[in-house]
PDB file of all heavy atoms in Angstrom:
ATOM      1  N   ASN A   1      39.003 -97.111 235.600  1.00  0.00           N
ATOM      2  CA  ASN A   1      37.562 -97.323 235.498  1.00  0.00           C
ATOM      3  C   ASN A   1      36.895 -96.023 235.059  1.00  0.00           C
ATOM      4  O   ASN A   1      36.727 -95.094 235.852  1.00  0.00           O
ATOM      5  CB  ASN A   1      37.034 -97.788 236.877  1.00  0.00           C
ATOM      6  CG  ASN A   1      35.565 -98.151 236.807  1.00  0.00           C
ATOM      7  OD1 ASN A   1      34.730 -97.416 236.356  1.00  0.00           O
ATOM      8  ND2 ASN A   1      35.266 -99.344 237.349  1.00  0.00           N
ATOM      9  N   LYS A   2      36.548 -95.977 233.831  1.00  0.00           N
ATOM     10  CA  LYS A   2      35.993 -94.756 233.243  1.00  0.00           C
ATOM     11  C   LYS A   2      34.717 -94.283 233.923  1.00  0.00           C
ATOM     12  O   LYS A   2      34.480 -93.127 234.178  1.00  0.00           O
ATOM     13  CB  LYS A   2      35.722 -94.949 231.723  1.00  0.00           C
ATOM     14  CG  LYS A   2      35.314 -93.683 231.024  1.00  0.00           C
ATOM     15  CD  LYS A   2      35.187 -93.921 229.506  1.00  0.00           C
ATOM     16  CE  LYS A   2      34.793 -92.600 228.811  1.00  0.00           C
ATOM     17  NZ  LYS A   2      34.722 -92.816 227.377  1.00  0.00           N
ATOM     18  N   SER A   3      33.832 -95.264 234.285  1.00  0.00           N
ATOM     19  CA  SER A   3      32.625 -94.897 234.966  1.00  0.00           C
ATOM     20  C   SER A   3      32.877 -94.251 236.306  1.00  0.00           C
ATOM     21  O   SER A   3      32.202 -93.302 236.708  1.00  0.00           O
ATOM     22  CB  SER A   3      31.694 -96.111 235.127  1.00  0.00           C
ATOM     23  OG  SER A   3      31.282 -96.569 233.858  1.00  0.00           O
ATOM     24  N   ALA A   4      33.842 -94.780 237.061  1.00  0.00           N
ATOM     25  CA  ALA A   4      34.239 -94.232 238.366  1.00  0.00           C
ATOM     26  C   ALA A   4      34.772 -92.830 238.190  1.00  0.00           C
ATOM     27  O   ALA A   4      34.478 -91.909 238.966  1.00  0.00           O
ATOM     28  CB  ALA A   4      35.195 -95.138 239.087  1.00  0.00           C
ATOM     29  N   PHE A   5      35.594 -92.653 237.179  1.00  0.00           N
ATOM     30  CA  PHE A   5      36.141 -91.340 236.847  1.00  0.00           C
ATOM     31  C   PHE A   5      35.034 -90.315 236.521  1.00  0.00           C
ATOM     32  O   PHE A   5      35.013 -89.221 237.015  1.00  0.00           O
ATOM     33  CB  PHE A   5      37.190 -91.468 235.719  1.00  0.00           C
ATOM     34  CG  PHE A   5      37.860 -90.173 235.406  1.00  0.00           C
ATOM     35  CD1 PHE A   5      38.716 -89.598 236.317  1.00  0.00           C
ATOM     36  CD2 PHE A   5      37.709 -89.563 234.157  1.00  0.00           C
ATOM     37  CE1 PHE A   5      39.421 -88.455 236.007  1.00  0.00           C
ATOM     38  CE2 PHE A   5      38.380 -88.378 233.875  1.00  0.00           C
ATOM     39  CZ  PHE A   5      39.264 -87.840 234.788  1.00  0.00           C
ATOM     40  N   THR A   6      34.106 -90.777 235.699  1.00  0.00           N
ATOM     41  CA  THR A   6      32.979 -89.914 235.323  1.00  0.00           C
ATOM     42  C   THR A   6      32.151 -89.539 236.548  1.00  0.00           C
ATOM     43  O   THR A   6      31.810 -88.378 236.719  1.00  0.00           O
ATOM     44  CB  THR A   6      32.101 -90.636 234.286  1.00  0.00           C
ATOM     45  OG1 THR A   6      32.849 -90.955 233.155  1.00  0.00           O
ATOM     46  CG2 THR A   6      30.931 -89.739 233.857  1.00  0.00           C
ATOM     47  N   ARG A   7      31.868 -90.488 237.433  1.00  0.00           N
ATOM     48  CA  ARG A   7      31.116 -90.186 238.659  1.00  0.00           C
ATOM     49  C   ARG A   7      31.828 -89.131 239.545  1.00  0.00           C
ATOM     50  O   ARG A   7      31.216 -88.258 240.091  1.00  0.00           O
ATOM     51  CB  ARG A   7      30.848 -91.483 239.467  1.00  0.00           C
ATOM     52  CG  ARG A   7      29.731 -92.325 238.900  1.00  0.00           C
ATOM     53  CD  ARG A   7      29.333 -93.431 239.858  1.00  0.00           C
ATOM     54  NE  ARG A   7      30.420 -94.292 240.255  1.00  0.00           N
ATOM     55  CZ  ARG A   7      30.857 -95.374 239.539  1.00  0.00           C
ATOM     56  NH1 ARG A   7      30.250 -95.662 238.392  1.00  0.00           N
ATOM     57  NH2 ARG A   7      31.860 -96.109 239.964  1.00  0.00           N
ATOM     58  N   ALA A   8      33.144 -89.294 239.600  1.00  0.00           N
ATOM     59  CA  ALA A   8      33.917 -88.310 240.375  1.00  0.00           C
ATOM     60  C   ALA A   8      33.808 -86.897 239.765  1.00  0.00           C
ATOM     61  O   ALA A   8      33.609 -85.913 240.460  1.00  0.00           O
ATOM     62  CB  ALA A   8      35.368 -88.714 240.482  1.00  0.00           C
ATOM     63  N   LEU A   9      33.886 -86.828 238.422  1.00  0.00           N
ATOM     64  CA  LEU A   9      33.758 -85.604 237.726  1.00  0.00           C
ATOM     65  C   LEU A   9      32.348 -84.993 237.868  1.00  0.00           C
ATOM     66  O   LEU A   9      32.165 -83.771 237.881  1.00  0.00           O
ATOM     67  CB  LEU A   9      34.132 -85.704 236.279  1.00  0.00           C
ATOM     68  CG  LEU A   9      35.610 -86.004 236.003  1.00  0.00           C
ATOM     69  CD1 LEU A   9      35.820 -86.278 234.521  1.00  0.00           C
ATOM     70  CD2 LEU A   9      36.464 -84.856 236.432  1.00  0.00           C
ATOM     71  N   GLN A  10      31.359 -85.856 237.922  1.00  0.00           N
ATOM     72  CA  GLN A  10      29.979 -85.340 237.987  1.00  0.00           C
ATOM     73  C   GLN A  10      29.675 -84.607 239.319  1.00  0.00           C
ATOM     74  O   GLN A  10      28.692 -83.885 239.371  1.00  0.00           O
ATOM     75  CB  GLN A  10      29.001 -86.530 237.829  1.00  0.00           C
ATOM     76  CG  GLN A  10      28.948 -87.033 236.379  1.00  0.00           C
ATOM     77  CD  GLN A  10      28.161 -88.327 236.232  1.00  0.00           C
ATOM     78  OE1 GLN A  10      28.036 -89.100 237.153  1.00  0.00           O
ATOM     79  NE2 GLN A  10      27.594 -88.528 235.037  1.00  0.00           N
ATOM     80  N   LYS A  11      30.560 -84.702 240.266  1.00  0.00           N
ATOM     81  CA  LYS A  11      30.360 -83.879 241.466  1.00  0.00           C
ATOM     82  C   LYS A  11      30.598 -82.441 241.168  1.00  0.00           C
ATOM     83  O   LYS A  11      30.013 -81.542 241.781  1.00  0.00           O
ATOM     84  CB  LYS A  11      31.386 -84.324 242.570  1.00  0.00           C
ATOM     85  CG  LYS A  11      31.108 -85.728 243.079  1.00  0.00           C
ATOM     86  CD  LYS A  11      32.138 -86.169 244.116  1.00  0.00           C
ATOM     87  CE  LYS A  11      31.866 -87.571 244.558  1.00  0.00           C
ATOM     88  NZ  LYS A  11      32.903 -88.085 245.474  1.00  0.00           N
ATOM     89  N   LEU A  12      31.365 -82.150 240.120  1.00  0.00           N
ATOM     90  CA  LEU A  12      31.614 -80.765 239.666  1.00  0.00           C
ATOM     91  C   LEU A  12      30.716 -80.404 238.454  1.00  0.00           C
ATOM     92  O   LEU A  12      30.281 -79.293 238.323  1.00  0.00           O
ATOM     93  CB  LEU A  12      33.084 -80.599 239.286  1.00  0.00           C
ATOM     94  CG  LEU A  12      34.075 -80.812 240.403  1.00  0.00           C
ATOM     95  CD1 LEU A  12      35.497 -80.785 239.865  1.00  0.00           C
ATOM     96  CD2 LEU A  12      33.906 -79.745 241.507  1.00  0.00           C
ATOM     97  N   LEU A  13      30.547 -81.401 237.594  1.00  0.00           N
ATOM     98  CA  LEU A  13      29.738 -81.182 236.335  1.00  0.00           C
ATOM     99  C   LEU A  13      28.673 -82.272 236.238  1.00  0.00           C
ATOM    100  O   LEU A  13      28.905 -83.292 235.537  1.00  0.00           O
ATOM    101  CB  LEU A  13      30.639 -81.246 235.113  1.00  0.00           C
ATOM    102  CG  LEU A  13      31.736 -80.139 235.035  1.00  0.00           C
ATOM    103  CD1 LEU A  13      32.779 -80.491 233.977  1.00  0.00           C
ATOM    104  CD2 LEU A  13      31.069 -78.780 234.741  1.00  0.00           C
ATOM    105  N   PRO A  14      27.528 -82.136 236.913  1.00  0.00           N
ATOM    106  CA  PRO A  14      26.527 -83.192 236.929  1.00  0.00           C
ATOM    107  C   PRO A  14      26.051 -83.693 235.588  1.00  0.00           C
ATOM    108  O   PRO A  14      25.688 -84.869 235.444  1.00  0.00           O
ATOM    109  CB  PRO A  14      25.384 -82.595 237.737  1.00  0.00           C
ATOM    110  CG  PRO A  14      26.006 -81.449 238.508  1.00  0.00           C
ATOM    111  CD  PRO A  14      27.143 -80.941 237.679  1.00  0.00           C
ATOM    112  N   GLU A  15      26.088 -82.839 234.592  1.00  0.00           N
ATOM    113  CA  GLU A  15      25.547 -83.225 233.258  1.00  0.00           C
ATOM    114  C   GLU A  15      26.542 -84.042 232.453  1.00  0.00           C
ATOM    115  O   GLU A  15      26.226 -84.509 231.375  1.00  0.00           O
ATOM    116  CB  GLU A  15      25.109 -81.997 232.478  1.00  0.00           C
ATOM    117  CG  GLU A  15      26.208 -81.002 232.107  1.00  0.00           C
ATOM    118  CD  GLU A  15      26.662 -80.027 233.192  1.00  0.00           C
ATOM    119  OE1 GLU A  15      26.102 -80.107 234.335  1.00  0.00           O
ATOM    120  OE2 GLU A  15      27.545 -79.250 232.945  1.00  0.00           O
ATOM    121  N   LEU A  16      27.753 -84.173 232.890  1.00  0.00           N
ATOM    122  CA  LEU A  16      28.783 -84.936 232.207  1.00  0.00           C
ATOM    123  C   LEU A  16      28.440 -86.366 232.029  1.00  0.00           C
ATOM    124  O   LEU A  16      27.909 -87.004 232.972  1.00  0.00           O
ATOM    125  CB  LEU A  16      30.153 -84.801 232.936  1.00  0.00           C
ATOM    126  CG  LEU A  16      31.389 -85.190 232.221  1.00  0.00           C
ATOM    127  CD1 LEU A  16      31.706 -84.128 231.137  1.00  0.00           C
ATOM    128  CD2 LEU A  16      32.528 -85.267 233.187  1.00  0.00           C
ATOM    129  N   THR A  17      28.770 -86.973 230.893  1.00  0.00           N
ATOM    130  CA  THR A  17      28.512 -88.424 230.685  1.00  0.00           C
ATOM    131  C   THR A  17      29.834 -89.110 230.229  1.00  0.00           C
ATOM    132  O   THR A  17      30.777 -88.465 229.835  1.00  0.00           O
ATOM    133  CB  THR A  17      27.453 -88.632 229.595  1.00  0.00           C
ATOM    134  OG1 THR A  17      27.996 -88.221 228.312  1.00  0.00           O
ATOM    135  CG2 THR A  17      26.183 -87.900 229.906  1.00  0.00           C
ATOM    136  N   ASN A  18      29.801 -90.423 230.245  1.00  0.00           N
ATOM    137  CA  ASN A  18      30.971 -91.202 229.779  1.00  0.00           C
ATOM    138  C   ASN A  18      31.294 -90.848 228.339  1.00  0.00           C
ATOM    139  O   ASN A  18      32.510 -90.816 227.988  1.00  0.00           O
ATOM    140  CB  ASN A  18      30.693 -92.700 229.845  1.00  0.00           C
ATOM    141  CG  ASN A  18      30.982 -93.327 231.173  1.00  0.00           C
ATOM    142  OD1 ASN A  18      31.684 -92.713 231.994  1.00  0.00           O
ATOM    143  ND2 ASN A  18      30.523 -94.507 231.418  1.00  0.00           N
ATOM    144  N   GLU A  19      30.319 -90.577 227.544  1.00  0.00           N
ATOM    145  CA  GLU A  19      30.549 -90.240 226.121  1.00  0.00           C
ATOM    146  C   GLU A  19      31.250 -88.932 225.914  1.00  0.00           C
ATOM    147  O   GLU A  19      31.810 -88.656 224.872  1.00  0.00           O
ATOM    148  CB  GLU A  19      29.197 -90.229 225.345  1.00  0.00           C
ATOM    149  CG  GLU A  19      28.560 -91.652 225.225  1.00  0.00           C
ATOM    150  CD  GLU A  19      27.957 -92.130 226.547  1.00  0.00           C
ATOM    151  OE1 GLU A  19      27.412 -91.288 227.348  1.00  0.00           O
ATOM    152  OE2 GLU A  19      28.037 -93.336 226.792  1.00  0.00           O
ATOM    153  N   ASP A  20      31.180 -88.032 226.916  1.00  0.00           N
ATOM    154  CA  ASP A  20      31.902 -86.762 226.850  1.00  0.00           C
ATOM    155  C   ASP A  20      33.418 -86.871 227.004  1.00  0.00           C
ATOM    156  O   ASP A  20      34.138 -85.958 226.640  1.00  0.00           O
ATOM    157  CB  ASP A  20      31.372 -85.794 227.906  1.00  0.00           C
ATOM    158  CG  ASP A  20      29.906 -85.434 227.703  1.00  0.00           C
ATOM    159  OD1 ASP A  20      29.481 -85.217 226.543  1.00  0.00           O
ATOM    160  OD2 ASP A  20      29.161 -85.385 228.701  1.00  0.00           O
ATOM    161  N   LEU A  21      33.835 -87.985 227.512  1.00  0.00           N
ATOM    162  CA  LEU A  21      35.250 -88.196 227.832  1.00  0.00           C
ATOM    163  C   LEU A  21      35.947 -89.012 226.778  1.00  0.00           C
ATOM    164  O   LEU A  21      35.454 -90.041 226.359  1.00  0.00           O
ATOM    165  CB  LEU A  21      35.400 -88.834 229.208  1.00  0.00           C
ATOM    166  CG  LEU A  21      34.722 -88.155 230.393  1.00  0.00           C
ATOM    167  CD1 LEU A  21      34.875 -88.964 231.664  1.00  0.00           C
ATOM    168  CD2 LEU A  21      35.256 -86.725 230.554  1.00  0.00           C
ATOM    169  N   ILE A  22      37.115 -88.536 226.400  1.00  0.00           N
ATOM    170  CA  ILE A  22      37.948 -89.316 225.488  1.00  0.00           C
ATOM    171  C   ILE A  22      39.343 -89.514 226.100  1.00  0.00           C
ATOM    172  O   ILE A  22      39.774 -88.715 226.908  1.00  0.00           O
ATOM    173  CB  ILE A  22      38.095 -88.578 224.100  1.00  0.00           C
ATOM    174  CG1 ILE A  22      38.705 -87.180 224.300  1.00  0.00           C
ATOM    175  CG2 ILE A  22      36.795 -88.480 223.357  1.00  0.00           C
ATOM    176  CD1 ILE A  22      39.029 -86.463 223.006  1.00  0.00           C
ATOM    177  N   PRO A  23      40.031 -90.605 225.740  1.00  0.00           N
ATOM    178  CA  PRO A  23      41.361 -90.843 226.319  1.00  0.00           C
ATOM    179  C   PRO A  23      42.324 -89.743 225.985  1.00  0.00           C
ATOM    180  O   PRO A  23      42.249 -89.136 224.901  1.00  0.00           O
ATOM    181  CB  PRO A  23      41.798 -92.164 225.663  1.00  0.00           C
ATOM    182  CG  PRO A  23      40.531 -92.815 225.168  1.00  0.00           C
ATOM    183  CD  PRO A  23      39.637 -91.682 224.858  1.00  0.00           C
ATOM    184  N   GLY A  24      43.211 -89.483 226.903  1.00  0.00           N
ATOM    185  CA  GLY A  24      44.226 -88.472 226.677  1.00  0.00           C
ATOM    186  C   GLY A  24      45.486 -88.801 227.502  1.00  0.00           C
ATOM    187  O   GLY A  24      45.530 -89.797 228.194  1.00  0.00           O
ATOM    188  N   GLY A  25      46.451 -87.936 227.427  1.00  0.00           N
ATOM    189  CA  GLY A  25      47.659 -88.113 228.196  1.00  0.00           C
ATOM    190  C   GLY A  25      47.469 -87.747 229.639  1.00  0.00           C
ATOM    191  O   GLY A  25      46.456 -87.237 230.039  1.00  0.00           O
ATOM    192  N   SER A  26      48.440 -88.117 230.406  1.00  0.00           N
ATOM    193  CA  SER A  26      48.397 -87.741 231.828  1.00  0.00           C
ATOM    194  C   SER A  26      49.732 -87.212 232.274  1.00  0.00           C
ATOM    195  O   SER A  26      50.746 -87.398 231.551  1.00  0.00           O
ATOM    196  CB  SER A  26      48.015 -88.987 232.682  1.00  0.00           C
ATOM    197  OG  SER A  26      49.009 -89.970 232.565  1.00  0.00           O
ATOM    198  N   GLY A  27      49.752 -86.596 233.397  1.00  0.00           N
ATOM    199  CA  GLY A  27      50.976 -85.997 233.875  1.00  0.00           C
ATOM    200  C   GLY A  27      51.053 -86.231 235.394  1.00  0.00           C
ATOM    201  O   GLY A  27      50.186 -86.838 235.988  1.00  0.00           O
ATOM    202  N   VAL A  28      52.129 -85.771 235.946  1.00  0.00           N
ATOM    203  CA  VAL A  28      52.376 -85.910 237.362  1.00  0.00           C
ATOM    204  C   VAL A  28      52.595 -84.523 237.957  1.00  0.00           C
ATOM    205  O   VAL A  28      53.360 -83.734 237.381  1.00  0.00           O
ATOM    206  CB  VAL A  28      53.565 -86.805 237.692  1.00  0.00           C
ATOM    207  CG1 VAL A  28      53.883 -86.862 239.165  1.00  0.00           C
ATOM    208  CG2 VAL A  28      53.301 -88.203 237.115  1.00  0.00           C
ATOM    209  N   ARG A  29      51.985 -84.218 239.066  1.00  0.00           N
ATOM    210  CA  ARG A  29      52.240 -82.970 239.750  1.00  0.00           C
ATOM    211  C   ARG A  29      52.612 -83.298 241.152  1.00  0.00           C
ATOM    212  O   ARG A  29      51.913 -84.053 241.847  1.00  0.00           O
ATOM    213  CB  ARG A  29      51.010 -82.075 239.737  1.00  0.00           C
ATOM    214  CG  ARG A  29      51.222 -80.749 240.483  1.00  0.00           C
ATOM    215  CD  ARG A  29      50.058 -79.827 240.388  1.00  0.00           C
ATOM    216  NE  ARG A  29      49.041 -80.074 241.344  1.00  0.00           N
ATOM    217  CZ  ARG A  29      49.000 -79.609 242.597  1.00  0.00           C
ATOM    218  NH1 ARG A  29      50.049 -78.958 243.049  1.00  0.00           N
ATOM    219  NH2 ARG A  29      47.999 -79.842 243.372  1.00  0.00           N
ATOM    220  N   ALA A  30      53.703 -82.755 241.587  1.00  0.00           N
ATOM    221  CA  ALA A  30      54.132 -83.007 242.974  1.00  0.00           C
ATOM    222  C   ALA A  30      53.088 -82.425 243.939  1.00  0.00           C
ATOM    223  O   ALA A  30      52.546 -81.345 243.675  1.00  0.00           O
ATOM    224  CB  ALA A  30      55.492 -82.358 243.230  1.00  0.00           C
ATOM    225  N   GLN A  31      52.752 -83.140 244.972  1.00  0.00           N
ATOM    226  CA  GLN A  31      51.828 -82.694 245.988  1.00  0.00           C
ATOM    227  C   GLN A  31      52.490 -82.707 247.327  1.00  0.00           C
ATOM    228  O   GLN A  31      52.945 -83.779 247.743  1.00  0.00           O
ATOM    229  CB  GLN A  31      50.579 -83.571 245.962  1.00  0.00           C
ATOM    230  CG  GLN A  31      49.527 -83.205 246.930  1.00  0.00           C
ATOM    231  CD  GLN A  31      48.836 -81.892 246.579  1.00  0.00           C
ATOM    232  OE1 GLN A  31      48.383 -81.738 245.450  1.00  0.00           O
ATOM    233  NE2 GLN A  31      48.706 -80.983 247.475  1.00  0.00           N
ATOM    234  N   ALA A  32      52.556 -81.594 247.947  1.00  0.00           N
ATOM    235  CA  ALA A  32      53.174 -81.515 249.282  1.00  0.00           C
ATOM    236  C   ALA A  32      52.214 -82.080 250.339  1.00  0.00           C
ATOM    237  O   ALA A  32      51.005 -81.993 250.232  1.00  0.00           O
ATOM    238  CB  ALA A  32      53.487 -80.052 249.634  1.00  0.00           C
ATOM    239  N   VAL A  33      52.835 -82.690 251.357  1.00  0.00           N
ATOM    240  CA  VAL A  33      52.072 -83.185 252.492  1.00  0.00           C
ATOM    241  C   VAL A  33      52.697 -82.633 253.814  1.00  0.00           C
ATOM    242  O   VAL A  33      53.872 -82.280 253.813  1.00  0.00           O
ATOM    243  CB  VAL A  33      52.055 -84.730 252.542  1.00  0.00           C
ATOM    244  CG1 VAL A  33      51.339 -85.344 251.385  1.00  0.00           C
ATOM    245  CG2 VAL A  33      53.468 -85.263 252.654  1.00  0.00           C
ATOM    246  N   ASP A  34      51.887 -82.530 254.842  1.00  0.00           N
ATOM    247  CA  ASP A  34      52.384 -82.020 256.114  1.00  0.00           C
ATOM    248  C   ASP A  34      53.027 -83.185 256.909  1.00  0.00           C
ATOM    249  O   ASP A  34      53.124 -84.313 256.412  1.00  0.00           O
ATOM    250  CB  ASP A  34      51.295 -81.318 256.896  1.00  0.00           C
ATOM    251  CG  ASP A  34      50.211 -82.220 257.349  1.00  0.00           C
ATOM    252  OD1 ASP A  34      50.300 -83.437 257.286  1.00  0.00           O
ATOM    253  OD2 ASP A  34      49.123 -81.652 257.727  1.00  0.00           O
ATOM    254  N   LYS A  35      53.487 -82.897 258.075  1.00  0.00           N
ATOM    255  CA  LYS A  35      54.189 -83.931 258.898  1.00  0.00           C
ATOM    256  C   LYS A  35      53.321 -85.097 259.264  1.00  0.00           C
ATOM    257  O   LYS A  35      53.808 -86.192 259.543  1.00  0.00           O
ATOM    258  CB  LYS A  35      54.786 -83.271 260.129  1.00  0.00           C
ATOM    259  CG  LYS A  35      55.931 -82.341 259.808  1.00  0.00           C
ATOM    260  CD  LYS A  35      56.502 -81.712 261.067  1.00  0.00           C
ATOM    261  CE  LYS A  35      57.606 -80.772 260.662  1.00  0.00           C
ATOM    262  NZ  LYS A  35      58.222 -80.111 261.831  1.00  0.00           N
ATOM    263  N   GLN A  36      51.960 -84.916 259.236  1.00  0.00           N
ATOM    264  CA  GLN A  36      51.047 -85.984 259.526  1.00  0.00           C
ATOM    265  C   GLN A  36      50.638 -86.751 258.270  1.00  0.00           C
ATOM    266  O   GLN A  36      49.847 -87.706 258.312  1.00  0.00           O
ATOM    267  CB  GLN A  36      49.797 -85.454 260.235  1.00  0.00           C
ATOM    268  CG  GLN A  36      50.021 -84.995 261.660  1.00  0.00           C
ATOM    269  CD  GLN A  36      50.780 -83.664 261.760  1.00  0.00           C
ATOM    270  OE1 GLN A  36      50.559 -82.788 260.966  1.00  0.00           O
ATOM    271  NE2 GLN A  36      51.688 -83.558 262.705  1.00  0.00           N
ATOM    272  N   GLY A  37      51.138 -86.341 257.096  1.00  0.00           N
ATOM    273  CA  GLY A  37      50.822 -87.034 255.868  1.00  0.00           C
ATOM    274  C   GLY A  37      49.586 -86.496 255.134  1.00  0.00           C
ATOM    275  O   GLY A  37      49.126 -87.062 254.183  1.00  0.00           O
ATOM    276  N   LYS A  38      49.008 -85.367 255.686  1.00  0.00           N
ATOM    277  CA  LYS A  38      47.823 -84.766 255.072  1.00  0.00           C
ATOM    278  C   LYS A  38      48.247 -83.923 253.856  1.00  0.00           C
ATOM    279  O   LYS A  38      49.201 -83.153 253.931  1.00  0.00           O
ATOM    280  CB  LYS A  38      47.093 -83.924 256.102  1.00  0.00           C
ATOM    281  CG  LYS A  38      45.842 -83.304 255.588  1.00  0.00           C
ATOM    282  CD  LYS A  38      45.115 -82.523 256.712  1.00  0.00           C
ATOM    283  CE  LYS A  38      43.840 -81.955 256.139  1.00  0.00           C
ATOM    284  NZ  LYS A  38      43.724 -80.537 256.252  1.00  0.00           N
TER     285      LYS A  38
END
């Protein structure tokens, strides 16, 4: 959902709009979690 993605980004860059975003590739980064799953 591009609009939801844009809204999430606007927390960091309020002036960002849907038109500023273009499709691109994605990747995966391993993310460690503690014993409680945090």
